[in-house]
Structure formats: structure tokens, C-alpha cells
Amino acid sequence: MSSLDPRLPRLEDFDLAGKVVLARVDHNVVEKGLVKDAFRIDATFGLIHHISARGGFPILMTHVGRTRDKKTGHINAGPGTSTAPIVDYLNRKLAGGFVVPELPVHPELGIENLEPDRLAPHLEQLKKRRVGGLYLPNTRWFAGEESKDERTQVLAGQLAALADVYVNDAFGSWQPHASTYDVAGRLPSAAGFLLQKELLHLDLALNPDQPFLAVVAGAKYDTKIGPLNKIYDLARHVILGGVIYNAYLAAKYGVEVAGVDPQDVELAKGLVQKDENVGKILEPAVLIESEVLNRRDPSKVRAVSKADFRPGQKRGYFLDVDPRSFDEPRLAAALAQAKTIFVNAVMGLTPFFPEGSARLYSEIGKNRQARKLFGGGDTLAELKNLTPGLYLSALDDESCYFFTGGGAVLTALENGAYGLKPVAALLKPSA
């Protein structure tokens, strides 16, 4: 495996004894007030143990869900986006005694600032080790977290005033916000263990052993065009799924597919042209077409072959790839012979159309020689749900790696491992 950029400060190189350590993590795993999947929390246990074992005092922070109304700009700081369920989980698992300071919340603006007087008693308890750590309220409850104005700088300064050291261990939180970006320039800052691990494994996708097979899907083509073009250039073969594949099929064969934005089709024409004389894209030939969305009505579902497409045809919703498509020789060979496989894909609309994804994951699992890199988010959730045996075995397999952020992976692949702004904010000038 490659090494980290020498300009990247690492947590293990810092003296933490007697110091308050402010750590940005990505524990955005709460849904309807419950921890839905603890994988991203568990992945930061090493960070928490290290800070305490080295004599430091941990303060953790994360965002949870989307809290800002796009129309009004108001912040909804309700119980559904609280960090309390995360703290409950941490305290059960680690017996760490984390507490969430109570701060006044404006009904529209959220938490307007971190008042020192309100946090002083909590910091005193922390430094006397009467609590195991502090866990701040949802960072998106703070008025300056995403505002990109003077409130952002105020919040960054107030966050920095809480601590002696800042640690970013939140790979999945790749947007440059106050808690991920601006605060890094105000304190001695370092990359945590998880962030280091993610960067090292990103390099395996950016400099893959060939043949490199990439499997990419998504709900909107326009949000994936940059990463997809980069992945296309890196890969020996590419398999598409979801709406991305629907847009590609519409662009290549001139069919009108229900649910596909015409602008996505226009964008996909560029990829069709790019692949015309190269043939990297492997097309699952049989699709599952449905007349309705968001439910599975057997009377309205059929398997269709792309060989039957004719320009100008109007088709229903393509909601999955037929599992039989993976028996096609070129697809089967690419899956079996790959030395690196990157998967950021759910092939169908789950939970109603899971068969294509299940077959894909099963075929990937049969390849024992490849290094397998799985994107976060829906990919991990469906891998766990559809092929639990493969998921559990992959957890103990050094040739498999699960990224904690799907969007972050794609952005980093497009811009380079150190192209994520929160990561770039940690880099120190070369000596």
C-alpha cells in the first residue's frame, strides 16, 4: 500500500497529555431518532481510545441529517437530528461517560453561538475526568456551520477556543464547513486514524492493479459526471447501474425511459461517444421494466432486452438489472478476472427490486484475487442486507475495504485523494 503525503500531520505524532482534543467525526447515522447502522461510529473507537490513553480530553462533533430549510434558511433543531442517540450508543459500547452540553436553540436560527460561560462548567468536568468526554450538539444546529459568511468564522473561532488540538476523522463529511474546514486553520490540526486509512485506500483506486473494474450507479447522472469520467479513464471495464445506466441507455439507443431527466440523457451522450471505439462499458443486456415506481406489482413488471430497443420507443421505469445479465461472457469474465474492483453501486431500486444488486455482490465475492473497495452509504447498507455472509466475511478480509462515505469517495476520485477541501486544510507547507 502507498504512503501518506508527508505534509499531512497525523494524530499519533501529537503530544496530547493534558490537552483538550476537538475531533470532527462522521457519525451521521441517526434516522428517526435511532442509530440505524453503527459502522461509522465503531470505526472511530480507535480515535476515542487513543485520545484518552494519551492523556487527552476528547470533545467530539458531527452533523446529523439535513436541518436547514432551503427556502427559508431556517434551522430545524428537532429531536430527530440530535446527537443524543449517538452518545447513548457510545456510552453503552465504551462506558465512556460522554455528555451533550445543553445550549439555547433559536427556533429559526438554531444555536447562534457557543457561549463560553455555558460550556465552562462542562470543560471543568472534562478536565477533572468526571466525564469521559463531551459531545457537541449537531454541528448543523449551529447558525454558522453552513452559512459561509461571518457567522462561519465566528463559529470556527468559538470551536477553536474550546480546545488545544483539532483532529479531522470525518472522511465522509467532505464539504468545507466551519467544523470540517475553517476551524482547522485556527488550531494545531491532524488527521485521525480513520481519515488516514481512507486516504491510503483511495490511492488503491487512483493507482489500481489492472484489470480494474468499476461499478457505478446513482440516482442522478449530472452529480456523477465528473467522477464517472475520471473512473472511466482509470478502469479497464465499467458497469453502470441505476438511473445512470438508464440515462446511458437512453442516450445510446434513442429510447425514452420513464423517470430519466432529458438533461441527464444529453450529458450521457458524452460518455456514449467517449466509449464508442473503446468498449470499456459493459452493458447488462436484460433489464427489469416496471410501469409503476415505489412498489412491485407483478402484473406491471417484465424483463426486457436492450436488443429490442428501437429509436423513439417509450419505455417504462427500468428499476433493476436482471440477474441473468451477469451470465453474459464479457461481464462474467470482467468480474472474474479483475485485480481491483471498486463498487459504488446499487443496481436496482431497493427494497422492491434487489435481485440485480444481490447477484452483482455475489459475483464480486467469488473473485478471490481482487482487492475490493466498497463505497459507503447505500452500497454498504445493501451489501449487508442482501448478502450478509459476504459482508461479514469482508469485514475480516484484508483484501476488502469499506469506505465510510460514498459521496466523499467519488469526489476524491475526481479531484485526487488530497483534493477534498477539509483534507487540504490539514496539509502543512513542504519543508
Protein backbone atom coordinates (compact mmCIF):
# COMPACT_ATOMS: atom_id res chain seq x y z
CA MET A 1 0.00 0.00 0.00
CA SER A 2 1.19 3.54 -0.71
CA SER A 3 2.16 6.03 1.98
CA LEU A 4 0.51 9.22 3.14
CA ASP A 5 1.55 12.63 1.90
CA PRO A 6 4.39 13.71 4.24
CA ARG A 7 2.74 17.13 4.59
CA LEU A 8 -0.24 15.53 6.37
CA PRO A 9 0.05 15.83 10.16
CA ARG A 10 -1.01 12.63 11.92
CA LEU A 11 -2.71 12.35 15.27
CA GLU A 12 -0.21 9.82 16.60
CA ASP A 13 2.61 12.37 16.23
CA PHE A 14 0.97 14.87 18.62
CA ASP A 15 1.56 15.15 22.36
CA LEU A 16 -1.96 15.01 23.80
CA ALA A 17 -1.17 14.88 27.51
CA GLY A 18 -3.36 17.37 29.37
CA LYS A 19 -4.78 18.78 26.14
CA VAL A 20 -8.37 19.16 25.01
CA VAL A 21 -8.79 17.49 21.63
CA LEU A 22 -11.63 18.64 19.39
CA ALA A 23 -12.38 15.81 16.94
CA ARG A 24 -14.69 16.10 13.94
CA VAL A 25 -16.14 12.67 13.20
CA ASP A 26 -18.78 11.44 10.75
CA HIS A 27 -21.42 9.85 12.94
CA ASN A 28 -24.27 10.82 10.62
CA VAL A 29 -26.09 7.53 11.24
CA VAL A 30 -29.25 8.63 13.04
CA GLU A 31 -32.63 8.09 11.43
CA LYS A 32 -35.89 8.91 13.20
CA GLY A 33 -34.05 9.25 16.47
CA LEU A 34 -32.30 5.87 16.27
CA VAL A 35 -28.82 4.75 15.25
CA LYS A 36 -29.57 2.89 12.02
CA ASP A 37 -26.10 1.43 11.40
CA ALA A 38 -23.22 1.85 13.84
CA PHE A 39 -20.43 1.05 11.36
CA ARG A 40 -19.21 4.66 11.16
CA ILE A 41 -19.32 5.07 14.93
CA ASP A 42 -17.42 1.84 15.53
CA ALA A 43 -14.79 2.96 13.01
CA THR A 44 -13.80 5.83 15.35
CA PHE A 45 -13.33 3.79 18.53
CA GLY A 46 -9.56 3.83 17.95
CA LEU A 47 -9.57 7.61 17.87
CA ILE A 48 -11.51 7.87 21.13
CA HIS A 49 -9.34 5.32 22.93
CA HIS A 50 -6.14 6.96 21.68
CA ILE A 51 -7.05 10.44 22.91
CA SER A 52 -7.87 9.19 26.40
CA ALA A 53 -4.93 6.78 26.60
CA ARG A 54 -2.51 9.57 25.66
CA GLY A 55 -3.86 11.79 28.43
CA GLY A 56 -6.10 13.96 26.32
CA PHE A 57 -9.66 15.16 26.87
CA PRO A 58 -11.97 14.40 23.91
CA ILE A 59 -14.67 16.65 22.51
CA LEU A 60 -16.47 15.04 19.57
CA MET A 61 -18.73 16.67 16.98
CA THR A 62 -20.66 15.51 13.93
CA HIS A 63 -23.52 16.57 11.71
CA VAL A 64 -26.75 14.59 11.68
CA GLY A 65 -29.12 14.76 8.72
CA ARG A 66 -30.28 17.88 6.91
CA THR A 67 -31.52 20.61 9.20
CA ARG A 68 -31.67 23.78 7.08
CA ASP A 69 -34.81 24.66 5.11
CA LYS A 70 -33.58 25.56 1.60
CA LYS A 71 -36.36 28.08 1.05
CA THR A 72 -36.35 29.95 4.35
CA GLY A 73 -32.83 29.22 5.60
CA HIS A 74 -34.30 28.31 8.97
CA ILE A 75 -32.66 25.56 11.02
CA ASN A 76 -34.82 22.77 12.39
CA ALA A 77 -33.09 21.62 15.56
CA GLY A 78 -35.51 18.87 16.46
CA PRO A 79 -35.03 15.57 18.29
CA GLY A 80 -34.79 13.64 15.01
CA THR A 81 -31.37 15.19 14.29
CA SER A 82 -30.00 15.14 17.83
CA THR A 83 -26.64 13.61 18.72
CA ALA A 84 -28.19 12.06 21.85
CA PRO A 85 -28.74 8.60 20.24
CA ILE A 86 -25.06 8.54 19.23
CA VAL A 87 -23.98 9.35 22.76
CA ASP A 88 -26.28 6.66 24.15
CA TYR A 89 -24.64 4.13 21.80
CA LEU A 90 -21.11 5.27 22.69
CA ASN A 91 -21.80 5.07 26.40
CA ARG A 92 -23.20 1.54 26.05
CA LYS A 93 -20.27 0.34 23.99
CA LEU A 94 -17.39 2.17 25.62
CA ALA A 95 -18.73 3.11 29.04
CA GLY A 96 -17.13 6.40 28.17
CA GLY A 97 -19.41 8.78 30.03
CA PHE A 98 -19.92 11.21 27.13
CA VAL A 99 -22.36 14.05 27.75
CA VAL A 100 -24.04 16.57 25.43
CA PRO A 101 -23.97 20.15 26.72
CA GLU A 102 -27.37 21.82 26.64
CA LEU A 103 -27.26 25.05 24.66
CA PRO A 104 -30.05 27.53 23.86
CA VAL A 105 -31.57 26.90 20.44
CA HIS A 106 -33.28 29.70 18.49
CA PRO A 107 -36.43 28.31 16.80
CA GLU A 108 -35.29 29.57 13.38
CA LEU A 109 -31.56 30.28 13.59
CA GLY A 110 -30.54 27.27 15.65
CA ILE A 111 -27.63 27.65 18.07
CA GLU A 112 -26.33 31.15 17.43
CA ASN A 113 -23.02 30.76 19.23
CA LEU A 114 -21.01 28.69 21.66
CA GLU A 115 -21.20 30.80 24.76
CA PRO A 116 -18.03 30.23 26.84
CA ASP A 117 -19.84 30.65 30.15
CA ARG A 118 -22.28 27.88 29.31
CA LEU A 119 -19.54 25.44 28.33
CA ALA A 120 -17.08 26.34 31.10
CA PRO A 121 -18.67 24.01 33.70
CA HIS A 122 -18.64 21.14 31.20
CA LEU A 123 -14.99 21.77 30.32
CA GLU A 124 -14.12 21.79 34.01
CA GLN A 125 -15.85 18.44 34.49
CA LEU A 126 -13.98 17.08 31.46
CA LYS A 127 -10.57 18.22 32.69
CA LYS A 128 -11.21 16.75 36.12
CA ARG A 129 -12.19 13.49 34.33
CA ARG A 130 -15.60 13.49 35.96
CA VAL A 131 -16.97 12.82 32.47
CA GLY A 132 -15.33 10.74 29.76
CA GLY A 133 -15.85 13.29 27.03
CA LEU A 134 -18.11 15.98 25.62
CA TYR A 135 -20.20 15.51 22.51
CA LEU A 136 -21.43 18.75 20.96
CA PRO A 137 -24.95 19.14 19.58
CA ASN A 138 -25.42 18.50 15.85
CA THR A 139 -22.99 20.85 14.08
CA ARG A 140 -25.76 21.74 11.62
CA TRP A 141 -27.75 23.15 14.51
CA PHE A 142 -25.16 25.93 14.71
CA ALA A 143 -26.04 29.02 12.69
CA GLY A 144 -22.54 29.36 11.23
CA GLU A 145 -21.82 25.76 10.22
CA GLU A 146 -23.03 26.04 6.61
CA SER A 147 -23.68 29.77 6.28
CA LYS A 148 -20.40 30.67 4.51
CA ASP A 149 -20.45 34.20 5.94
CA GLU A 150 -19.13 35.96 9.05
CA ARG A 151 -21.11 33.56 11.24
CA THR A 152 -18.95 30.73 9.91
CA GLN A 153 -15.80 32.48 11.05
CA VAL A 154 -17.34 33.27 14.44
CA LEU A 155 -18.27 29.62 14.93
CA ALA A 156 -14.83 28.44 13.81
CA GLY A 157 -13.23 30.75 16.35
CA GLN A 158 -15.52 29.58 19.13
CA LEU A 159 -14.86 25.94 18.33
CA ALA A 160 -11.11 26.58 18.35
CA ALA A 161 -11.39 28.31 21.73
CA LEU A 162 -12.62 25.05 23.28
CA ALA A 163 -9.52 23.01 22.53
CA ASP A 164 -5.76 22.76 22.15
CA VAL A 165 -5.73 20.37 19.18
CA TYR A 166 -8.10 19.75 16.26
CA VAL A 167 -8.46 16.31 14.65
CA ASN A 168 -10.39 15.55 11.46
CA ASP A 169 -11.50 11.92 11.34
CA ALA A 170 -14.60 12.57 9.22
CA PHE A 171 -13.81 11.37 5.71
CA GLY A 172 -17.49 11.24 4.76
CA SER A 173 -18.02 14.89 5.74
CA TRP A 174 -16.19 16.31 2.76
CA GLN A 175 -17.98 19.64 2.42
CA PRO A 176 -15.91 22.63 3.64
CA HIS A 177 -17.95 23.77 6.64
CA ALA A 178 -16.94 25.51 9.86
CA SER A 179 -16.40 22.23 11.74
CA THR A 180 -14.54 20.46 8.93
CA TYR A 181 -12.55 23.23 7.28
CA ASP A 182 -12.43 26.69 8.89
CA VAL A 183 -11.51 25.51 12.38
CA ALA A 184 -8.50 23.59 11.04
CA GLY A 185 -6.61 26.82 10.39
CA ARG A 186 -7.08 28.03 13.96
CA LEU A 187 -5.52 25.15 15.92
CA PRO A 188 -2.69 22.63 15.57
CA SER A 189 -4.51 20.11 13.38
CA ALA A 190 -4.08 16.48 12.41
CA ALA A 191 -5.67 13.61 10.51
CA GLY A 192 -7.24 10.91 12.65
CA PHE A 193 -6.70 7.19 12.16
CA LEU A 194 -9.83 6.61 10.07
CA LEU A 195 -9.12 9.53 7.75
CA GLN A 196 -5.58 8.23 7.24
CA LYS A 197 -6.90 4.79 6.40
CA GLU A 198 -9.42 6.18 3.92
CA LEU A 199 -6.73 8.20 2.13
CA LEU A 200 -4.46 5.18 1.83
CA HIS A 201 -7.22 3.06 0.33
CA LEU A 202 -8.27 5.83 -2.03
CA ASP A 203 -4.83 5.61 -3.54
CA LEU A 204 -5.53 1.95 -4.38
CA ALA A 205 -8.40 3.13 -6.58
CA LEU A 206 -6.45 6.02 -8.08
CA ASN A 207 -3.47 3.74 -8.84
CA PRO A 208 -5.19 0.35 -9.20
CA ASP A 209 -3.76 -3.01 -10.08
CA GLN A 210 -5.12 -3.87 -13.51
CA PRO A 211 -7.52 -5.09 -14.72
CA PHE A 212 -9.55 -2.52 -12.76
CA LEU A 213 -13.34 -2.98 -12.79
CA ALA A 214 -15.52 -0.12 -11.56
CA VAL A 215 -19.22 -0.48 -10.83
CA VAL A 216 -21.01 2.85 -10.51
CA ALA A 217 -24.67 3.69 -10.06
CA GLY A 218 -26.71 6.61 -8.84
CA ALA A 219 -29.99 8.46 -8.96
CA LYS A 220 -28.77 11.49 -10.93
CA TYR A 221 -26.32 11.47 -13.82
CA ASP A 222 -25.35 15.14 -13.51
CA THR A 223 -23.94 14.68 -9.99
CA LYS A 224 -21.75 11.78 -11.11
CA ILE A 225 -20.42 13.04 -14.46
CA GLY A 226 -17.07 14.30 -13.12
CA PRO A 227 -16.24 11.24 -11.01
CA LEU A 228 -17.57 8.90 -13.69
CA ASN A 229 -15.30 10.36 -16.36
CA LYS A 230 -12.31 10.03 -14.02
CA ILE A 231 -13.22 6.44 -13.14
CA TYR A 232 -13.71 5.65 -16.82
CA ASP A 233 -10.16 6.81 -17.57
CA LEU A 234 -8.74 4.67 -14.75
CA ALA A 235 -10.71 1.48 -15.37
CA ARG A 236 -10.33 -1.42 -17.77
CA HIS A 237 -14.08 -2.02 -17.60
CA VAL A 238 -17.08 -0.13 -16.21
CA ILE A 239 -20.52 -1.45 -15.27
CA LEU A 240 -23.29 1.11 -14.78
CA GLY A 241 -26.49 0.79 -12.77
CA GLY A 242 -29.46 2.76 -11.53
CA VAL A 243 -30.59 5.96 -13.21
CA ILE A 244 -27.05 6.48 -14.53
CA TYR A 245 -27.42 3.35 -16.65
CA ASN A 246 -30.91 4.36 -17.71
CA ALA A 247 -29.59 7.71 -18.95
CA TYR A 248 -26.77 5.95 -20.79
CA LEU A 249 -29.17 3.54 -22.50
CA ALA A 250 -31.50 6.38 -23.49
CA ALA A 251 -28.56 8.32 -24.95
CA LYS A 252 -27.08 5.36 -26.83
CA TYR A 253 -30.23 3.73 -28.20
CA GLY A 254 -32.52 6.73 -28.58
CA VAL A 255 -35.25 5.38 -26.31
CA GLU A 256 -37.26 7.45 -23.87
CA VAL A 257 -37.04 5.94 -20.39
CA ALA A 258 -39.56 6.95 -17.73
CA GLY A 259 -38.08 8.89 -14.83
CA VAL A 260 -34.92 9.95 -16.68
CA ASP A 261 -34.29 13.68 -16.96
CA PRO A 262 -33.67 14.74 -20.59
CA GLN A 263 -30.71 16.81 -19.35
CA ASP A 264 -29.15 13.63 -17.96
CA VAL A 265 -29.60 11.99 -21.35
CA GLU A 266 -27.78 14.86 -23.04
CA LEU A 267 -24.93 14.59 -20.55
CA ALA A 268 -24.74 10.83 -21.05
CA LYS A 269 -24.21 11.29 -24.79
CA GLY A 270 -20.69 12.42 -23.98
CA LEU A 271 -19.91 9.10 -22.31
CA VAL A 272 -21.52 7.17 -25.18
CA GLN A 273 -19.29 8.99 -27.65
CA LYS A 274 -16.23 8.51 -25.45
CA ASP A 275 -16.80 4.76 -25.29
CA GLU A 276 -17.81 4.28 -28.92
CA ASN A 277 -14.46 2.97 -30.13
CA VAL A 278 -13.11 1.83 -26.77
CA GLY A 279 -15.71 -0.54 -25.38
CA LYS A 280 -14.93 -0.20 -21.70
CA ILE A 281 -18.58 -0.05 -20.66
CA LEU A 282 -20.15 -3.45 -20.16
CA GLU A 283 -23.91 -3.31 -20.63
CA PRO A 284 -26.15 -5.70 -18.68
CA ALA A 285 -28.40 -6.79 -21.52
CA VAL A 286 -31.64 -7.62 -19.71
CA LEU A 287 -33.45 -5.07 -17.57
CA ILE A 288 -36.45 -5.19 -15.29
CA GLU A 289 -39.08 -2.75 -16.53
CA SER A 290 -41.97 -1.57 -14.37
CA GLU A 291 -44.96 0.61 -15.11
CA VAL A 292 -45.02 1.96 -11.55
CA LEU A 293 -42.49 3.32 -9.04
CA ASN A 294 -42.03 2.61 -5.34
CA ARG A 295 -43.83 -0.71 -5.29
CA ARG A 296 -43.63 -4.05 -7.05
CA ASP A 297 -46.77 -5.07 -8.91
CA PRO A 298 -46.11 -8.40 -10.70
CA SER A 299 -48.71 -7.55 -13.33
CA LYS A 300 -46.77 -4.40 -14.25
CA VAL A 301 -43.23 -5.81 -14.23
CA ARG A 302 -41.42 -7.53 -17.10
CA ALA A 303 -37.90 -8.43 -18.22
CA VAL A 304 -36.85 -6.63 -21.42
CA SER A 305 -33.78 -6.96 -23.62
CA LYS A 306 -31.92 -3.93 -24.87
CA ALA A 307 -31.60 -5.80 -28.17
CA ASP A 308 -35.27 -4.96 -28.69
CA PHE A 309 -34.80 -1.21 -28.28
CA ARG A 310 -35.76 0.97 -31.24
CA PRO A 311 -35.13 4.73 -31.57
CA GLY A 312 -38.12 6.74 -30.43
CA GLN A 313 -39.54 3.99 -28.22
CA LYS A 314 -41.13 4.99 -24.93
CA ARG A 315 -40.21 2.63 -22.13
CA GLY A 316 -41.34 2.34 -18.53
CA TYR A 317 -39.11 2.58 -15.48
CA PHE A 318 -36.01 0.40 -15.60
CA LEU A 319 -35.78 -0.46 -11.91
CA ASP A 320 -33.24 -3.26 -11.91
CA VAL A 321 -30.83 -5.35 -13.94
CA ASP A 322 -31.96 -8.91 -14.49
CA PRO A 323 -29.56 -11.22 -12.59
CA ARG A 324 -29.17 -13.32 -15.74
CA SER A 325 -27.28 -10.42 -17.33
CA PHE A 326 -24.21 -11.33 -15.29
CA ASP A 327 -24.00 -14.66 -17.14
CA GLU A 328 -23.07 -12.80 -20.32
CA PRO A 329 -19.46 -13.82 -21.14
CA ARG A 330 -17.87 -10.35 -21.15
CA LEU A 331 -19.45 -9.35 -17.85
CA ALA A 332 -18.66 -12.69 -16.24
CA ALA A 333 -15.03 -12.54 -17.41
CA ALA A 334 -14.55 -8.95 -16.22
CA LEU A 335 -15.89 -9.80 -12.76
CA ALA A 336 -13.80 -12.97 -12.50
CA GLN A 337 -10.52 -11.58 -13.84
CA ALA A 338 -10.36 -8.15 -12.20
CA LYS A 339 -7.45 -7.44 -9.86
CA THR A 340 -9.10 -4.31 -8.39
CA ILE A 341 -12.86 -3.84 -8.04
CA PHE A 342 -14.42 -0.56 -6.96
CA VAL A 343 -18.12 -0.74 -6.14
CA ASN A 344 -20.25 2.35 -5.61
CA ALA A 345 -23.48 0.85 -6.79
CA VAL A 346 -26.92 -0.41 -6.02
CA MET A 347 -28.13 -1.80 -9.34
CA GLY A 348 -31.86 -1.57 -8.67
CA LEU A 349 -34.47 0.35 -6.72
CA THR A 350 -34.37 -1.35 -3.34
CA PRO A 351 -36.11 -2.77 -1.39
CA PHE A 352 -38.56 -3.65 -4.16
CA PHE A 353 -36.02 -4.67 -6.81
CA PRO A 354 -32.96 -6.17 -5.06
CA GLU A 355 -32.13 -9.13 -7.31
CA GLY A 356 -29.62 -7.41 -9.60
CA SER A 357 -27.62 -5.99 -6.71
CA ALA A 358 -27.61 -9.33 -4.87
CA ARG A 359 -26.28 -11.15 -7.93
CA LEU A 360 -23.63 -8.48 -8.55
CA TYR A 361 -22.34 -8.67 -4.98
CA SER A 362 -22.34 -12.46 -5.12
CA GLU A 363 -20.23 -12.49 -8.29
CA ILE A 364 -17.80 -9.98 -6.79
CA GLY A 365 -17.45 -12.21 -3.74
CA LYS A 366 -16.42 -15.15 -5.92
CA ASN A 367 -13.34 -13.28 -7.14
CA ARG A 368 -10.71 -14.24 -4.56
CA GLN A 369 -7.77 -12.48 -6.23
CA ALA A 370 -9.11 -8.93 -6.44
CA ARG A 371 -8.76 -6.11 -3.98
CA LYS A 372 -12.32 -4.95 -3.37
CA LEU A 373 -13.14 -1.37 -2.46
CA PHE A 374 -16.75 -0.69 -1.48
CA GLY A 375 -18.18 2.83 -1.39
CA GLY A 376 -20.19 3.90 1.63
CA GLY A 377 -23.86 4.76 2.05
CA ASP A 378 -26.39 2.67 0.15
CA THR A 379 -23.73 0.30 -1.18
CA LEU A 380 -22.76 -0.90 2.30
CA ALA A 381 -26.35 -0.98 3.53
CA GLU A 382 -27.49 -3.18 0.66
CA LEU A 383 -24.38 -5.37 0.74
CA LYS A 384 -25.16 -6.04 4.39
CA ASN A 385 -28.88 -6.62 3.78
CA LEU A 386 -28.69 -8.69 0.59
CA THR A 387 -25.51 -10.71 1.15
CA PRO A 388 -24.86 -10.71 4.91
CA GLY A 389 -22.43 -13.61 4.66
CA LEU A 390 -20.27 -11.75 2.16
CA TYR A 391 -20.46 -8.59 4.27
CA LEU A 392 -19.34 -10.35 7.44
CA SER A 393 -16.53 -12.21 5.72
CA ALA A 394 -15.35 -8.99 4.07
CA LEU A 395 -15.04 -7.30 7.47
CA ASP A 396 -12.22 -9.74 8.31
CA ASP A 397 -10.68 -9.83 4.84
CA GLU A 398 -7.66 -7.58 4.33
CA SER A 399 -8.33 -7.52 0.59
CA CYS A 400 -11.70 -5.79 1.20
CA TYR A 401 -12.25 -2.25 2.36
CA PHE A 402 -15.43 -0.35 3.21
CA PHE A 403 -15.24 3.41 2.79
CA THR A 404 -17.35 5.36 5.25
CA GLY A 405 -18.61 7.93 2.73
CA GLY A 406 -19.90 7.20 -0.77
CA GLY A 407 -20.09 10.80 -1.97
CA ALA A 408 -16.70 11.55 -0.46
CA VAL A 409 -15.12 8.65 -2.36
CA LEU A 410 -16.45 9.83 -5.71
CA THR A 411 -15.39 13.43 -5.05
CA ALA A 412 -11.92 12.30 -4.01
CA LEU A 413 -11.56 10.07 -7.06
CA GLU A 414 -12.42 13.02 -9.26
CA ASN A 415 -10.18 15.56 -7.53
CA GLY A 416 -7.47 13.36 -6.03
CA ALA A 417 -7.16 11.95 -2.53
CA TYR A 418 -5.97 15.30 -1.17
CA GLY A 419 -8.40 17.32 -3.27
CA LEU A 420 -11.08 17.24 -0.57
CA LYS A 421 -11.01 20.71 0.97
CA PRO A 422 -11.14 19.54 4.63
CA VAL A 423 -8.15 17.28 3.92
CA ALA A 424 -6.27 20.02 2.08
CA ALA A 425 -6.83 22.29 5.10
CA LEU A 426 -4.70 19.92 7.19
CA LEU A 427 -1.69 19.92 4.88
CA LYS A 428 1.37 21.80 6.02
CA PRO A 429 3.78 23.55 3.62
CA SER A 430 6.65 21.41 2.42
CA ALA A 431 9.89 21.96 4.33
